[in-house]
């Protein structure tokens, strides 16, 4: 069945969103990350229902626009650096807390934040 036939059967309207990428937003739906299944689907595939903040949606992939690889080559270094910094900002506090919790559990430390910061910074190099 076509998406139009399914919509007609349920008294719904088919709307077409302008092209968007994973970091953008789909008009009328919200964050494109909500539609991750659609990005994995082939052109013509019907995906859904998908729950979004604005409601439930069924999507049909109408086109896939290939990435501009010239931009990738130009931006690769900054993208890798940004991802690395994001991961470190998430992982560093978790690692620090796990070390502190384990040492406290073993009754090996009393909290000395300056000494702990020096210890953890030695692992980051």
C-alpha atoms as a PDB file:
ATOM      1  CA  UNK A   1       0.000   0.000   0.000  1.00  0.00           C
ATOM      2  CA  UNK A   2       1.098   3.547  -0.640  1.00  0.00           C
ATOM      3  CA  UNK A   3       1.423   6.074   2.149  1.00  0.00           C
ATOM      4  CA  UNK A   4      -1.408   8.063   0.585  1.00  0.00           C
ATOM      5  CA  UNK A   5      -3.714   5.015   0.644  1.00  0.00           C
ATOM      6  CA  UNK A   6      -2.911   4.324   4.290  1.00  0.00           C
ATOM      7  CA  UNK A   7      -3.522   7.966   5.221  1.00  0.00           C
ATOM      8  CA  UNK A   8      -6.840   8.036   3.343  1.00  0.00           C
ATOM      9  CA  UNK A   9      -7.949   4.838   5.100  1.00  0.00           C
ATOM     10  CA  UNK A  10      -7.480   6.512   8.496  1.00  0.00           C
ATOM     11  CA  UNK A  11      -8.665   9.979   7.471  1.00  0.00           C
ATOM     12  CA  UNK A  12      -5.191  11.484   7.799  1.00  0.00           C
ATOM     13  CA  UNK A  13      -3.231  13.925   5.677  1.00  0.00           C
ATOM     14  CA  UNK A  14       0.102  13.290   3.969  1.00  0.00           C
ATOM     15  CA  UNK A  15       2.589  16.135   4.306  1.00  0.00           C
ATOM     16  CA  UNK A  16       6.017  16.385   2.720  1.00  0.00           C
ATOM     17  CA  UNK A  17       8.906  17.876   4.679  1.00  0.00           C
ATOM     18  CA  UNK A  18      11.759  19.745   3.069  1.00  0.00           C
ATOM     19  CA  UNK A  19      15.045  17.790   2.988  1.00  0.00           C
ATOM     20  CA  UNK A  20      16.836  17.648   6.352  1.00  0.00           C
ATOM     21  CA  UNK A  21      19.867  15.936   7.857  1.00  0.00           C
ATOM     22  CA  UNK A  22      20.411  14.010  11.105  1.00  0.00           C
ATOM     23  CA  UNK A  23      21.499  17.168  12.933  1.00  0.00           C
ATOM     24  CA  UNK A  24      18.533  19.199  11.738  1.00  0.00           C
ATOM     25  CA  UNK A  25      14.808  19.116  12.223  1.00  0.00           C
ATOM     26  CA  UNK A  26      11.919  17.748  10.211  1.00  0.00           C
ATOM     27  CA  UNK A  27       9.223  20.348   9.649  1.00  0.00           C
ATOM     28  CA  UNK A  28       6.158  19.567  11.738  1.00  0.00           C
ATOM     29  CA  UNK A  29       7.867  16.709  13.578  1.00  0.00           C
ATOM     30  CA  UNK A  30      10.883  18.085  15.408  1.00  0.00           C
ATOM     31  CA  UNK A  31      14.423  16.807  15.868  1.00  0.00           C
ATOM     32  CA  UNK A  32      15.566  14.650  12.968  1.00  0.00           C
ATOM     33  CA  UNK A  33      17.169  12.260  15.458  1.00  0.00           C
ATOM     34  CA  UNK A  34      13.596  11.133  16.247  1.00  0.00           C
ATOM     35  CA  UNK A  35      13.490   9.705  12.727  1.00  0.00           C
ATOM     36  CA  UNK A  36      16.678   7.631  12.982  1.00  0.00           C
ATOM     37  CA  UNK A  37      14.867   4.585  11.555  1.00  0.00           C
ATOM     38  CA  UNK A  38      14.012   6.583   8.421  1.00  0.00           C
ATOM     39  CA  UNK A  39      17.681   7.431   7.864  1.00  0.00           C
ATOM     40  CA  UNK A  40      18.457   3.700   7.833  1.00  0.00           C
ATOM     41  CA  UNK A  41      15.603   2.875   5.435  1.00  0.00           C
ATOM     42  CA  UNK A  42      15.737   2.807   1.653  1.00  0.00           C
ATOM     43  CA  UNK A  43      14.000   5.266  -0.662  1.00  0.00           C
ATOM     44  CA  UNK A  44      10.328   4.300  -0.876  1.00  0.00           C
ATOM     45  CA  UNK A  45      10.272   2.475   2.474  1.00  0.00           C
ATOM     46  CA  UNK A  46       7.500   3.312   4.932  1.00  0.00           C
ATOM     47  CA  UNK A  47       8.717   3.675   8.517  1.00  0.00           C
ATOM     48  CA  UNK A  48       6.690   3.979  11.673  1.00  0.00           C
ATOM     49  CA  UNK A  49       4.744   4.666  13.619  1.00  0.00           C
ATOM     50  CA  UNK A  50       7.299   6.940  15.255  1.00  0.00           C
ATOM     51  CA  UNK A  51       6.519   8.692  18.534  1.00  0.00           C
ATOM     52  CA  UNK A  52       7.580  12.342  18.623  1.00  0.00           C
ATOM     53  CA  UNK A  53       6.770  15.217  20.963  1.00  0.00           C
ATOM     54  CA  UNK A  54       4.165  16.476  18.521  1.00  0.00           C
ATOM     55  CA  UNK A  55       2.453  13.107  18.042  1.00  0.00           C
ATOM     56  CA  UNK A  56       2.733   9.813  16.174  1.00  0.00           C
ATOM     57  CA  UNK A  57       4.031   9.721  12.607  1.00  0.00           C
ATOM     58  CA  UNK A  58       4.416   7.313   9.731  1.00  0.00           C
ATOM     59  CA  UNK A  59       7.065   8.348   7.231  1.00  0.00           C
ATOM     60  CA  UNK A  60       7.980   7.375   3.720  1.00  0.00           C
ATOM     61  CA  UNK A  61      11.533   8.020   2.580  1.00  0.00           C
ATOM     62  CA  UNK A  62      11.144  10.034  -0.620  1.00  0.00           C
ATOM     63  CA  UNK A  63      14.812  10.724  -1.335  1.00  0.00           C
ATOM     64  CA  UNK A  64      18.308  10.439   0.073  1.00  0.00           C
ATOM     65  CA  UNK A  65      20.769  13.171  -0.747  1.00  0.00           C
ATOM     66  CA  UNK A  66      24.381  11.944  -0.630  1.00  0.00           C
ATOM     67  CA  UNK A  67      26.743  13.769   1.695  1.00  0.00           C
ATOM     68  CA  UNK A  68      29.093  16.316   0.145  1.00  0.00           C
ATOM     69  CA  UNK A  69      32.404  14.546   0.717  1.00  0.00           C
ATOM     70  CA  UNK A  70      34.411  17.679  -0.139  1.00  0.00           C
ATOM     71  CA  UNK A  71      32.989  19.266   2.998  1.00  0.00           C
ATOM     72  CA  UNK A  72      33.832  16.122   4.963  1.00  0.00           C
ATOM     73  CA  UNK A  73      37.488  16.363   3.964  1.00  0.00           C
ATOM     74  CA  UNK A  74      37.574  20.042   4.928  1.00  0.00           C
ATOM     75  CA  UNK A  75      35.845  19.568   8.289  1.00  0.00           C
ATOM     76  CA  UNK A  76      37.091  16.137   9.389  1.00  0.00           C
ATOM     77  CA  UNK A  77      39.690  17.452  11.839  1.00  0.00           C
ATOM     78  CA  UNK A  78      37.314  19.794  13.640  1.00  0.00           C
ATOM     79  CA  UNK A  79      34.549  17.164  13.754  1.00  0.00           C
ATOM     80  CA  UNK A  80      36.896  14.550  15.248  1.00  0.00           C
ATOM     81  CA  UNK A  81      38.128  17.091  17.806  1.00  0.00           C
ATOM     82  CA  UNK A  82      34.563  18.067  18.746  1.00  0.00           C
ATOM     83  CA  UNK A  83      33.484  14.441  19.186  1.00  0.00           C
ATOM     84  CA  UNK A  84      36.591  13.684  21.255  1.00  0.00           C
ATOM     85  CA  UNK A  85      35.901  16.664  23.518  1.00  0.00           C
ATOM     86  CA  UNK A  86      32.256  15.643  23.925  1.00  0.00           C
ATOM     87  CA  UNK A  87      33.247  12.112  24.911  1.00  0.00           C
ATOM     88  CA  UNK A  88      35.861  13.359  27.358  1.00  0.00           C
ATOM     89  CA  UNK A  89      33.400  15.766  28.963  1.00  0.00           C
ATOM     90  CA  UNK A  90      31.060  12.821  29.559  1.00  0.00           C
ATOM     91  CA  UNK A  91      33.597  10.140  30.463  1.00  0.00           C
ATOM     92  CA  UNK A  92      35.989  12.115  32.660  1.00  0.00           C
ATOM     93  CA  UNK A  93      33.494  12.844  35.464  1.00  0.00           C
ATOM     94  CA  UNK A  94      32.224   9.251  35.345  1.00  0.00           C
ATOM     95  CA  UNK A  95      35.738   7.848  35.560  1.00  0.00           C
ATOM     96  CA  UNK A  96      36.652  10.229  38.342  1.00  0.00           C
ATOM     97  CA  UNK A  97      33.573   9.333  40.362  1.00  0.00           C
ATOM     98  CA  UNK A  98      34.105   5.597  39.899  1.00  0.00           C
ATOM     99  CA  UNK A  99      37.696   5.890  41.152  1.00  0.00           C
ATOM    100  CA  UNK A 100      36.610   7.953  44.156  1.00  0.00           C
ATOM    101  CA  UNK A 101      33.754   5.601  45.017  1.00  0.00           C
ATOM    102  CA  UNK A 102      35.967   2.514  44.831  1.00  0.00           C
ATOM    103  CA  UNK A 103      38.715   4.046  46.948  1.00  0.00           C
ATOM    104  CA  UNK A 104      36.193   5.254  49.518  1.00  0.00           C
ATOM    105  CA  UNK A 105      34.628   1.801  49.619  1.00  0.00           C
ATOM    106  CA  UNK A 106      38.032   0.282  50.335  1.00  0.00           C
ATOM    107  CA  UNK A 107      38.642   2.988  52.958  1.00  0.00           C
ATOM    108  CA  UNK A 108      41.847   3.901  51.147  1.00  0.00           C
ATOM    109  CA  UNK A 109      41.217   7.630  50.909  1.00  0.00           C
ATOM    110  CA  UNK A 110      39.845  10.634  52.607  1.00  0.00           C
ATOM    111  CA  UNK A 111      38.790  13.193  50.035  1.00  0.00           C
ATOM    112  CA  UNK A 112      41.602  15.507  48.956  1.00  0.00           C
ATOM    113  CA  UNK A 113      40.346  17.049  45.707  1.00  0.00           C
ATOM    114  CA  UNK A 114      43.700  18.548  44.716  1.00  0.00           C
ATOM    115  CA  UNK A 115      45.508  15.205  45.017  1.00  0.00           C
ATOM    116  CA  UNK A 116      42.735  13.366  43.183  1.00  0.00           C
ATOM    117  CA  UNK A 117      42.802  15.867  40.326  1.00  0.00           C
ATOM    118  CA  UNK A 118      46.562  15.329  39.933  1.00  0.00           C
ATOM    119  CA  UNK A 119      46.092  11.551  39.899  1.00  0.00           C
ATOM    120  CA  UNK A 120      43.351  11.648  37.274  1.00  0.00           C
ATOM    121  CA  UNK A 121      45.219  14.100  35.066  1.00  0.00           C
ATOM    122  CA  UNK A 122      48.121  11.628  34.898  1.00  0.00           C
ATOM    123  CA  UNK A 123      45.749   9.120  33.192  1.00  0.00           C
ATOM    124  CA  UNK A 124      44.638  11.636  30.557  1.00  0.00           C
ATOM    125  CA  UNK A 125      48.040  12.090  28.974  1.00  0.00           C
END
